[in-house]
């Protein structure tokens, strides 16, 4: 279940840039407003992920992370 929840959050961050920005700025509020209820271990994992995201290639970084969790985000066309 942990990988599925983290994968869902990462997928949402890839598909919705505003959510991605809010997730970095205020993760608790962003997650809560989007209906995510994460356990402590999941939050710790997201915190580690959050610390690695940045720069102009944030979306590509998230795609790589999503794939590590078995999520294959849809390609935008």
Protein backbone atom coordinates (compact mmCIF):
# COMPACT_ATOMS: atom_id res chain seq x y z
CA UNK A 1 0.00 0.00 0.00
CA UNK A 2 2.86 2.38 0.78
CA UNK A 3 4.24 2.33 -2.75
CA UNK A 4 0.77 2.81 -4.19
CA UNK A 5 0.09 5.90 -2.06
CA UNK A 6 3.47 7.45 -2.77
CA UNK A 7 3.08 6.64 -6.45
CA UNK A 8 -0.33 8.32 -6.49
CA UNK A 9 1.07 11.47 -4.90
CA UNK A 10 4.00 11.56 -7.32
CA UNK A 11 1.65 10.99 -10.28
CA UNK A 12 -0.55 13.87 -9.13
CA UNK A 13 2.54 16.08 -8.79
CA UNK A 14 3.59 15.24 -12.34
CA UNK A 15 0.17 15.86 -13.84
CA UNK A 16 -0.67 19.01 -11.85
CA UNK A 17 2.11 21.62 -11.57
CA UNK A 18 0.13 23.67 -9.02
CA UNK A 19 -0.14 20.63 -6.74
CA UNK A 20 3.59 20.02 -7.22
CA UNK A 21 4.36 23.59 -6.13
CA UNK A 22 2.06 23.33 -3.11
CA UNK A 23 3.52 19.94 -2.21
CA UNK A 24 6.99 21.46 -2.02
CA UNK A 25 5.83 24.61 -0.19
CA UNK A 26 3.41 23.04 2.32
CA UNK A 27 3.12 19.26 1.96
CA UNK A 28 0.59 18.71 4.75
CA UNK A 29 -1.85 21.24 3.31
CA UNK A 30 -1.37 20.07 -0.28
CA UNK A 31 -1.93 16.43 0.62
CA UNK A 32 -4.92 17.15 2.81
CA UNK A 33 -6.60 19.38 0.24
CA UNK A 34 -6.26 16.62 -2.37
CA UNK A 35 -7.64 13.93 -0.10
CA UNK A 36 -4.41 12.08 0.66
CA UNK A 37 -4.11 10.62 4.16
CA UNK A 38 -0.58 9.33 4.58
CA UNK A 39 0.95 7.40 7.44
CA UNK A 40 4.13 8.53 9.14
CA UNK A 41 6.38 6.23 7.08
CA UNK A 42 4.84 7.48 3.83
CA UNK A 43 5.31 11.10 4.91
CA UNK A 44 8.95 10.40 5.74
CA UNK A 45 9.46 8.91 2.29
CA UNK A 46 7.80 11.92 0.64
CA UNK A 47 9.99 14.25 2.67
CA UNK A 48 13.08 12.51 1.30
CA UNK A 49 11.68 12.79 -2.22
CA UNK A 50 10.77 16.44 -1.70
CA UNK A 51 14.33 17.26 -0.75
CA UNK A 52 15.66 15.88 -4.04
CA UNK A 53 13.25 17.73 -6.35
CA UNK A 54 14.14 21.08 -7.80
CA UNK A 55 15.40 23.03 -10.71
CA UNK A 56 14.15 23.08 -14.26
CA UNK A 57 13.93 19.31 -14.54
CA UNK A 58 11.59 18.70 -11.57
CA UNK A 59 8.98 17.01 -13.75
CA UNK A 60 11.54 14.60 -15.22
CA UNK A 61 12.85 13.87 -11.72
CA UNK A 62 9.30 13.04 -10.65
CA UNK A 63 8.81 10.74 -13.63
CA UNK A 64 11.96 8.83 -12.65
CA UNK A 65 10.77 8.58 -9.04
CA UNK A 66 7.31 7.46 -10.14
CA UNK A 67 8.83 4.65 -12.19
CA UNK A 68 10.74 3.49 -9.10
CA UNK A 69 7.35 3.06 -7.40
CA UNK A 70 5.82 1.23 -10.34
CA UNK A 71 3.83 4.20 -11.63
CA UNK A 72 4.03 4.99 -15.31
CA UNK A 73 2.66 8.50 -15.73
CA UNK A 74 0.77 9.20 -18.88
CA UNK A 75 2.73 10.98 -21.56
CA UNK A 76 1.44 14.45 -22.35
CA UNK A 77 0.84 15.14 -26.02
